[in-house]
């Protein structure tokens, strides 16, 4: 192993010791020691970072590369386990991973740049002539489309009928002048939501109180009385 690799191993050991001391006894002196140890580690790793930066074609964004590599170096030093591998091997993988990610963010996946793309054009008329278009047909599509359209029209009609009833209800309550405008709006909104839920048939029936049933019966009678064939927009 080279002298530079040995120096890097020694530097990360010093940083781990300084970091451990800081965790055990936090303080300004311990923090300074840990910062100096990491600065020494970064200084020794700088040639390695510049080499990988050139290798990954990121010399034009060297500042960005240095930043992501500093993050990778710090993460490697924090997670390094001497019993599993040498630090030089471990940090190399961390640096390369960050630089690869940076290159992908900036330039995309260059591995596919030279690949040949093959495009095939299918003719629907030719498929129909050969009888190969059966897989395009969904037997249930027409019924499902008609049902969805019917449901949509029913919802639109219900919304319009209840909105018209709410307008009449609001006008009636305003004429009595027994409540403020804010109370009238709140009451009409609550009754409108109640009537709207009852106007659409669902699988489950909402259990109503006597007062709510009275509101719904009165509203439905008013809607039936004022309903007339109209064109929905």
C-alpha atoms as a PDB file:
ATOM      1  CA  UNK A   1       0.000   0.000   0.000  1.00  0.00           C
ATOM      2  CA  UNK A   2       1.263   3.476  -0.885  1.00  0.00           C
ATOM      3  CA  UNK A   3       2.302   6.111   1.606  1.00  0.00           C
ATOM      4  CA  UNK A   4      -0.687   8.247   0.579  1.00  0.00           C
ATOM      5  CA  UNK A   5      -3.107   5.427   1.346  1.00  0.00           C
ATOM      6  CA  UNK A   6      -1.421   4.829   4.700  1.00  0.00           C
ATOM      7  CA  UNK A   7      -1.695   8.528   5.502  1.00  0.00           C
ATOM      8  CA  UNK A   8      -5.405   8.446   4.630  1.00  0.00           C
ATOM      9  CA  UNK A   9      -5.941   5.466   6.927  1.00  0.00           C
ATOM     10  CA  UNK A  10      -4.158   7.282   9.754  1.00  0.00           C
ATOM     11  CA  UNK A  11      -6.164  10.456   9.158  1.00  0.00           C
ATOM     12  CA  UNK A  12      -9.529   8.706   9.310  1.00  0.00           C
ATOM     13  CA  UNK A  13      -8.464   6.931  12.501  1.00  0.00           C
ATOM     14  CA  UNK A  14      -7.563  10.287  14.040  1.00  0.00           C
ATOM     15  CA  UNK A  15     -10.925  11.707  12.982  1.00  0.00           C
ATOM     16  CA  UNK A  16     -12.841   8.773  14.462  1.00  0.00           C
ATOM     17  CA  UNK A  17     -11.002   9.204  17.755  1.00  0.00           C
ATOM     18  CA  UNK A  18     -11.643  12.948  17.784  1.00  0.00           C
ATOM     19  CA  UNK A  19     -15.295  12.421  16.936  1.00  0.00           C
ATOM     20  CA  UNK A  20     -15.689   9.839  19.685  1.00  0.00           C
ATOM     21  CA  UNK A  21     -14.102  12.208  22.197  1.00  0.00           C
ATOM     22  CA  UNK A  22     -16.485  14.959  21.094  1.00  0.00           C
ATOM     23  CA  UNK A  23     -19.495  12.693  21.570  1.00  0.00           C
ATOM     24  CA  UNK A  24     -18.337  11.674  25.038  1.00  0.00           C
ATOM     25  CA  UNK A  25     -17.381  15.172  26.223  1.00  0.00           C
ATOM     26  CA  UNK A  26     -18.840  17.929  24.032  1.00  0.00           C
ATOM     27  CA  UNK A  27     -17.004  21.225  24.129  1.00  0.00           C
ATOM     28  CA  UNK A  28     -15.258  23.851  22.047  1.00  0.00           C
ATOM     29  CA  UNK A  29     -11.847  22.208  22.345  1.00  0.00           C
ATOM     30  CA  UNK A  30     -13.168  18.787  21.331  1.00  0.00           C
ATOM     31  CA  UNK A  31     -15.071  20.350  18.431  1.00  0.00           C
ATOM     32  CA  UNK A  32     -11.937  22.121  17.203  1.00  0.00           C
ATOM     33  CA  UNK A  33      -9.972  18.883  17.355  1.00  0.00           C
ATOM     34  CA  UNK A  34     -12.632  17.032  15.337  1.00  0.00           C
ATOM     35  CA  UNK A  35     -12.801  19.826  12.752  1.00  0.00           C
ATOM     36  CA  UNK A  36      -9.038  19.841  12.335  1.00  0.00           C
ATOM     37  CA  UNK A  37      -8.973  16.068  11.975  1.00  0.00           C
ATOM     38  CA  UNK A  38     -11.583  16.188   9.226  1.00  0.00           C
ATOM     39  CA  UNK A  39      -9.775  19.060   7.491  1.00  0.00           C
ATOM     40  CA  UNK A  40      -6.634  16.922   7.432  1.00  0.00           C
ATOM     41  CA  UNK A  41      -8.629  14.006   6.043  1.00  0.00           C
ATOM     42  CA  UNK A  42     -10.123  16.218   3.315  1.00  0.00           C
ATOM     43  CA  UNK A  43      -6.667  17.542   2.422  1.00  0.00           C
ATOM     44  CA  UNK A  44      -5.327  14.026   1.924  1.00  0.00           C
ATOM     45  CA  UNK A  45      -8.408  12.988  -0.081  1.00  0.00           C
ATOM     46  CA  UNK A  46      -8.273  16.032  -2.395  1.00  0.00           C
ATOM     47  CA  UNK A  47      -6.009  14.446  -5.080  1.00  0.00           C
ATOM     48  CA  UNK A  48      -8.263  11.393  -5.156  1.00  0.00           C
ATOM     49  CA  UNK A  49     -11.339  13.634  -5.560  1.00  0.00           C
ATOM     50  CA  UNK A  50      -9.733  15.579  -8.419  1.00  0.00           C
ATOM     51  CA  UNK A  51      -8.811  12.319 -10.152  1.00  0.00           C
ATOM     52  CA  UNK A  52     -12.348  10.938  -9.986  1.00  0.00           C
ATOM     53  CA  UNK A  53     -13.775  14.310 -11.048  1.00  0.00           C
ATOM     54  CA  UNK A  54     -11.718  14.205 -14.251  1.00  0.00           C
ATOM     55  CA  UNK A  55     -12.527  10.539 -14.807  1.00  0.00           C
ATOM     56  CA  UNK A  56     -16.267  11.201 -14.656  1.00  0.00           C
ATOM     57  CA  UNK A  57     -15.976  14.165 -17.019  1.00  0.00           C
ATOM     58  CA  UNK A  58     -16.998  16.753 -14.445  1.00  0.00           C
ATOM     59  CA  UNK A  59     -14.040  19.122 -14.619  1.00  0.00           C
ATOM     60  CA  UNK A  60     -16.347  21.861 -15.917  1.00  0.00           C
ATOM     61  CA  UNK A  61     -18.345  21.646 -12.672  1.00  0.00           C
ATOM     62  CA  UNK A  62     -15.425  21.028 -10.345  1.00  0.00           C
ATOM     63  CA  UNK A  63     -16.953  23.118  -7.550  1.00  0.00           C
ATOM     64  CA  UNK A  64     -20.142  21.063  -7.547  1.00  0.00           C
ATOM     65  CA  UNK A  65     -18.100  17.875  -7.691  1.00  0.00           C
ATOM     66  CA  UNK A  66     -15.971  18.996  -4.747  1.00  0.00           C
ATOM     67  CA  UNK A  67     -19.102  19.740  -2.729  1.00  0.00           C
ATOM     68  CA  UNK A  68     -20.745  16.351  -3.272  1.00  0.00           C
ATOM     69  CA  UNK A  69     -17.414  14.622  -2.639  1.00  0.00           C
ATOM     70  CA  UNK A  70     -17.011  16.469   0.662  1.00  0.00           C
ATOM     71  CA  UNK A  71     -20.417  15.139   1.682  1.00  0.00           C
ATOM     72  CA  UNK A  72     -19.413  11.634   0.581  1.00  0.00           C
ATOM     73  CA  UNK A  73     -16.125  11.865   2.479  1.00  0.00           C
ATOM     74  CA  UNK A  74     -17.857  12.965   5.671  1.00  0.00           C
ATOM     75  CA  UNK A  75     -20.448  10.206   5.361  1.00  0.00           C
ATOM     76  CA  UNK A  76     -17.733   7.622   4.737  1.00  0.00           C
ATOM     77  CA  UNK A  77     -15.745   8.764   7.774  1.00  0.00           C
ATOM     78  CA  UNK A  78     -18.849   8.660   9.976  1.00  0.00           C
ATOM     79  CA  UNK A  79     -19.882   5.163   8.870  1.00  0.00           C
ATOM     80  CA  UNK A  80     -16.484   3.564   8.400  1.00  0.00           C
ATOM     81  CA  UNK A  81     -15.899   0.221  10.104  1.00  0.00           C
ATOM     82  CA  UNK A  82     -12.184  -0.734  10.088  1.00  0.00           C
ATOM     83  CA  UNK A  83     -13.086  -4.390  10.643  1.00  0.00           C
ATOM     84  CA  UNK A  84     -14.882  -4.662   7.310  1.00  0.00           C
ATOM     85  CA  UNK A  85     -12.625  -2.912   4.792  1.00  0.00           C
ATOM     86  CA  UNK A  86      -9.829  -0.408   4.389  1.00  0.00           C
ATOM     87  CA  UNK A  87     -10.929   3.192   4.286  1.00  0.00           C
ATOM     88  CA  UNK A  88      -9.381   3.837   0.877  1.00  0.00           C
ATOM     89  CA  UNK A  89     -11.602   1.167  -0.675  1.00  0.00           C
ATOM     90  CA  UNK A  90     -14.700   2.298   1.189  1.00  0.00           C
ATOM     91  CA  UNK A  91     -14.302   5.991   0.435  1.00  0.00           C
ATOM     92  CA  UNK A  92     -13.600   5.310  -3.244  1.00  0.00           C
ATOM     93  CA  UNK A  93     -17.042   3.752  -3.633  1.00  0.00           C
ATOM     94  CA  UNK A  94     -18.682   6.652  -1.819  1.00  0.00           C
ATOM     95  CA  UNK A  95     -16.958   9.245  -4.004  1.00  0.00           C
ATOM     96  CA  UNK A  96     -17.729   7.412  -7.230  1.00  0.00           C
ATOM     97  CA  UNK A  97     -21.384   6.995  -6.289  1.00  0.00           C
ATOM     98  CA  UNK A  98     -21.805  10.721  -5.619  1.00  0.00           C
ATOM     99  CA  UNK A  99     -20.014  11.732  -8.814  1.00  0.00           C
ATOM    100  CA  UNK A 100     -22.034   9.260 -10.856  1.00  0.00           C
ATOM    101  CA  UNK A 101     -25.242  10.701  -9.404  1.00  0.00           C
ATOM    102  CA  UNK A 102     -24.052  14.237 -10.172  1.00  0.00           C
ATOM    103  CA  UNK A 103     -23.251  13.299 -13.760  1.00  0.00           C
ATOM    104  CA  UNK A 104     -26.675  11.745 -14.210  1.00  0.00           C
ATOM    105  CA  UNK A 105     -28.354  14.883 -12.864  1.00  0.00           C
ATOM    106  CA  UNK A 106     -26.374  17.150 -15.169  1.00  0.00           C
ATOM    107  CA  UNK A 107     -25.922  15.113 -18.336  1.00  0.00           C
ATOM    108  CA  UNK A 108     -28.327  12.185 -18.158  1.00  0.00           C
ATOM    109  CA  UNK A 109     -27.423   8.557 -18.751  1.00  0.00           C
ATOM    110  CA  UNK A 110     -24.623   8.739 -21.318  1.00  0.00           C
ATOM    111  CA  UNK A 111     -24.471   4.964 -21.594  1.00  0.00           C
ATOM    112  CA  UNK A 112     -27.539   5.016 -23.851  1.00  0.00           C
ATOM    113  CA  UNK A 113     -26.301   7.876 -26.052  1.00  0.00           C
ATOM    114  CA  UNK A 114     -24.971   5.563 -28.764  1.00  0.00           C
ATOM    115  CA  UNK A 115     -27.718   2.997 -28.701  1.00  0.00           C
ATOM    116  CA  UNK A 116     -29.733   2.446 -31.822  1.00  0.00           C
ATOM    117  CA  UNK A 117     -33.433   3.104 -31.468  1.00  0.00           C
ATOM    118  CA  UNK A 118     -35.727   0.991 -33.624  1.00  0.00           C
ATOM    119  CA  UNK A 119     -39.198   2.315 -34.382  1.00  0.00           C
ATOM    120  CA  UNK A 120     -41.994   0.265 -35.887  1.00  0.00           C
ATOM    121  CA  UNK A 121     -45.184   1.758 -37.336  1.00  0.00           C
ATOM    122  CA  UNK A 122     -48.373  -0.268 -37.039  1.00  0.00           C
ATOM    123  CA  UNK A 123     -51.248   0.236 -39.465  1.00  0.00           C
ATOM    124  CA  UNK A 124     -54.706  -0.079 -37.918  1.00  0.00           C
ATOM    125  CA  UNK A 125     -56.257  -0.626 -41.336  1.00  0.00           C
ATOM    126  CA  UNK A 126     -53.844  -3.478 -42.051  1.00  0.00           C
ATOM    127  CA  UNK A 127     -54.590  -5.071 -38.689  1.00  0.00           C
ATOM    128  CA  UNK A 128     -58.316  -4.867 -39.370  1.00  0.00           C
ATOM    129  CA  UNK A 129     -57.870  -6.379 -42.817  1.00  0.00           C
ATOM    130  CA  UNK A 130     -55.890  -9.279 -41.363  1.00  0.00           C
ATOM    131  CA  UNK A 131     -58.319  -9.770 -38.492  1.00  0.00           C
ATOM    132  CA  UNK A 132     -55.663  -8.990 -35.882  1.00  0.00           C
ATOM    133  CA  UNK A 133     -57.547  -6.179 -34.155  1.00  0.00           C
ATOM    134  CA  UNK A 134     -59.666  -8.326 -31.828  1.00  0.00           C
ATOM    135  CA  UNK A 135     -57.479  -7.467 -28.845  1.00  0.00           C
ATOM    136  CA  UNK A 136     -58.340  -3.787 -29.329  1.00  0.00           C
ATOM    137  CA  UNK A 137     -62.036  -4.399 -28.673  1.00  0.00           C
ATOM    138  CA  UNK A 138     -63.391  -4.265 -25.137  1.00  0.00           C
ATOM    139  CA  UNK A 139     -66.895  -5.800 -25.083  1.00  0.00           C
ATOM    140  CA  UNK A 140     -67.780  -4.017 -21.843  1.00  0.00           C
ATOM    141  CA  UNK A 141     -66.506  -0.614 -22.926  1.00  0.00           C
ATOM    142  CA  UNK A 142     -69.735   0.591 -24.568  1.00  0.00           C
ATOM    143  CA  UNK A 143     -71.951  -0.325 -21.618  1.00  0.00           C
ATOM    144  CA  UNK A 144     -69.487   1.155 -19.131  1.00  0.00           C
ATOM    145  CA  UNK A 145     -69.262   4.377 -21.132  1.00  0.00           C
ATOM    146  CA  UNK A 146     -73.037   4.728 -21.358  1.00  0.00           C
ATOM    147  CA  UNK A 147     -73.436   4.066 -17.638  1.00  0.00           C
ATOM    148  CA  UNK A 148     -70.767   6.624 -16.759  1.00  0.00           C
ATOM    149  CA  UNK A 149     -72.439   9.190 -19.018  1.00  0.00           C
ATOM    150  CA  UNK A 150     -75.834   8.508 -17.437  1.00  0.00           C
ATOM    151  CA  UNK A 151     -74.378   8.819 -13.936  1.00  0.00           C
ATOM    152  CA  UNK A 152     -72.700  12.068 -14.880  1.00  0.00           C
ATOM    153  CA  UNK A 153     -75.925  13.539 -16.248  1.00  0.00           C
ATOM    154  CA  UNK A 154     -77.814  12.431 -13.140  1.00  0.00           C
ATOM    155  CA  UNK A 155     -75.271  14.110 -10.881  1.00  0.00           C
ATOM    156  CA  UNK A 156     -75.415  17.277 -12.976  1.00  0.00           C
ATOM    157  CA  UNK A 157     -79.211  17.348 -12.832  1.00  0.00           C
ATOM    158  CA  UNK A 158     -79.214  16.755  -9.070  1.00  0.00           C
ATOM    159  CA  UNK A 159     -76.710  19.557  -8.521  1.00  0.00           C
ATOM    160  CA  UNK A 160     -78.806  21.970 -10.589  1.00  0.00           C
ATOM    161  CA  UNK A 161     -82.108  21.063  -8.911  1.00  0.00           C
ATOM    162  CA  UNK A 162     -80.706  21.391  -5.400  1.00  0.00           C
ATOM    163  CA  UNK A 163     -78.909  24.642  -6.226  1.00  0.00           C
ATOM    164  CA  UNK A 164     -82.150  26.153  -7.556  1.00  0.00           C
ATOM    165  CA  UNK A 165     -84.011  25.005  -4.450  1.00  0.00           C
ATOM    166  CA  UNK A 166     -81.314  26.511  -2.212  1.00  0.00           C
ATOM    167  CA  UNK A 167     -81.710  29.852  -4.002  1.00  0.00           C
ATOM    168  CA  UNK A 168     -85.445  29.842  -3.348  1.00  0.00           C
ATOM    169  CA  UNK A 169     -84.927  28.725   0.235  1.00  0.00           C
ATOM    170  CA  UNK A 170     -82.434  31.526   0.849  1.00  0.00           C
ATOM    171  CA  UNK A 171     -84.820  34.115  -0.584  1.00  0.00           C
ATOM    172  CA  UNK A 172     -87.673  32.862   1.594  1.00  0.00           C
ATOM    173  CA  UNK A 173     -85.580  32.984   4.759  1.00  0.00           C
ATOM    174  CA  UNK A 174     -84.293  36.463   3.909  1.00  0.00           C
ATOM    175  CA  UNK A 175     -87.824  37.796   3.578  1.00  0.00           C
ATOM    176  CA  UNK A 176     -88.699  36.658   7.089  1.00  0.00           C
ATOM    177  CA  UNK A 177     -85.731  38.706   8.433  1.00  0.00           C
ATOM    178  CA  UNK A 178     -85.530  36.604  11.585  1.00  0.00           C
ATOM    179  CA  UNK A 179     -81.868  35.725  11.097  1.00  0.00           C
ATOM    180  CA  UNK A 180     -78.711  37.517  10.043  1.00  0.00           C
ATOM    181  CA  UNK A 181     -77.273  36.910   6.594  1.00  0.00           C
ATOM    182  CA  UNK A 182     -74.450  34.816   8.049  1.00  0.00           C
ATOM    183  CA  UNK A 183     -76.853  32.530   9.908  1.00  0.00           C
ATOM    184  CA  UNK A 184     -79.049  32.225   6.832  1.00  0.00           C
ATOM    185  CA  UNK A 185     -76.082  31.226   4.665  1.00  0.00           C
ATOM    186  CA  UNK A 186     -74.915  28.662   7.204  1.00  0.00           C
ATOM    187  CA  UNK A 187     -78.363  27.126   7.555  1.00  0.00           C
ATOM    188  CA  UNK A 188     -79.021  27.007   3.815  1.00  0.00           C
ATOM    189  CA  UNK A 189     -75.620  25.419   3.188  1.00  0.00           C
ATOM    190  CA  UNK A 190     -76.293  22.704   5.761  1.00  0.00           C
ATOM    191  CA  UNK A 191     -79.778  21.993   4.391  1.00  0.00           C
ATOM    192  CA  UNK A 192     -78.479  22.007   0.818  1.00  0.00           C
ATOM    193  CA  UNK A 193     -75.853  19.379   1.652  1.00  0.00           C
ATOM    194  CA  UNK A 194     -78.479  17.263   3.421  1.00  0.00           C
ATOM    195  CA  UNK A 195     -80.942  17.400   0.519  1.00  0.00           C
ATOM    196  CA  UNK A 196     -78.211  16.752  -2.047  1.00  0.00           C
ATOM    197  CA  UNK A 197     -77.187  13.539  -0.298  1.00  0.00           C
ATOM    198  CA  UNK A 198     -80.780  12.302  -0.230  1.00  0.00           C
ATOM    199  CA  UNK A 199     -81.427  13.120  -3.871  1.00  0.00           C
ATOM    200  CA  UNK A 200     -78.936  10.517  -5.084  1.00  0.00           C
ATOM    201  CA  UNK A 201     -79.823   6.871  -4.545  1.00  0.00           C
ATOM    202  CA  UNK A 202     -77.013   4.980  -2.805  1.00  0.00           C
ATOM    203  CA  UNK A 203     -76.533   1.467  -1.517  1.00  0.00           C
ATOM    204  CA  UNK A 204     -76.756   2.631   2.089  1.00  0.00           C
ATOM    205  CA  UNK A 205     -79.558   4.757   3.498  1.00  0.00           C
ATOM    206  CA  UNK A 206     -78.670   7.586   5.853  1.00  0.00           C
ATOM    207  CA  UNK A 207     -80.624   7.492   9.100  1.00  0.00           C
ATOM    208  CA  UNK A 208     -82.286  10.885   9.531  1.00  0.00           C
ATOM    209  CA  UNK A 209     -83.766  12.618  12.520  1.00  0.00           C
ATOM    210  CA  UNK A 210     -87.359  13.804  12.394  1.00  0.00           C
ATOM    211  CA  UNK A 211     -86.309  17.405  11.747  1.00  0.00           C
ATOM    212  CA  UNK A 212     -84.000  16.342   8.901  1.00  0.00           C
ATOM    213  CA  UNK A 213     -86.753  14.226   7.350  1.00  0.00           C
ATOM    214  CA  UNK A 214     -89.043  17.254   7.465  1.00  0.00           C
ATOM    215  CA  UNK A 215     -86.419  19.377   5.682  1.00  0.00           C
ATOM    216  CA  UNK A 216     -85.893  16.726   3.002  1.00  0.00           C
ATOM    217  CA  UNK A 217     -89.634  16.168   2.408  1.00  0.00           C
ATOM    218  CA  UNK A 218     -90.256  19.905   2.131  1.00  0.00           C
ATOM    219  CA  UNK A 219     -87.300  20.359  -0.227  1.00  0.00           C
ATOM    220  CA  UNK A 220     -88.248  17.452  -2.496  1.00  0.00           C
ATOM    221  CA  UNK A 221     -91.816  18.704  -2.728  1.00  0.00           C
ATOM    222  CA  UNK A 222     -90.569  22.162  -3.684  1.00  0.00           C
ATOM    223  CA  UNK A 223     -88.153  20.700  -6.247  1.00  0.00           C
ATOM    224  CA  UNK A 224     -90.915  18.594  -7.807  1.00  0.00           C
ATOM    225  CA  UNK A 225     -93.218  21.600  -7.965  1.00  0.00           C
ATOM    226  CA  UNK A 226     -90.672  23.835  -9.696  1.00  0.00           C
ATOM    227  CA  UNK A 227     -88.975  21.211 -11.836  1.00  0.00           C
ATOM    228  CA  UNK A 228     -89.529  21.595 -15.562  1.00  0.00           C
ATOM    229  CA  UNK A 229     -87.777  20.184 -18.623  1.00  0.00           C
ATOM    230  CA  UNK A 230     -84.701  22.298 -19.264  1.00  0.00           C
ATOM    231  CA  UNK A 231     -81.457  22.072 -21.153  1.00  0.00           C
ATOM    232  CA  UNK A 232     -78.474  21.472 -18.894  1.00  0.00           C
ATOM    233  CA  UNK A 233     -75.337  23.424 -19.738  1.00  0.00           C
END
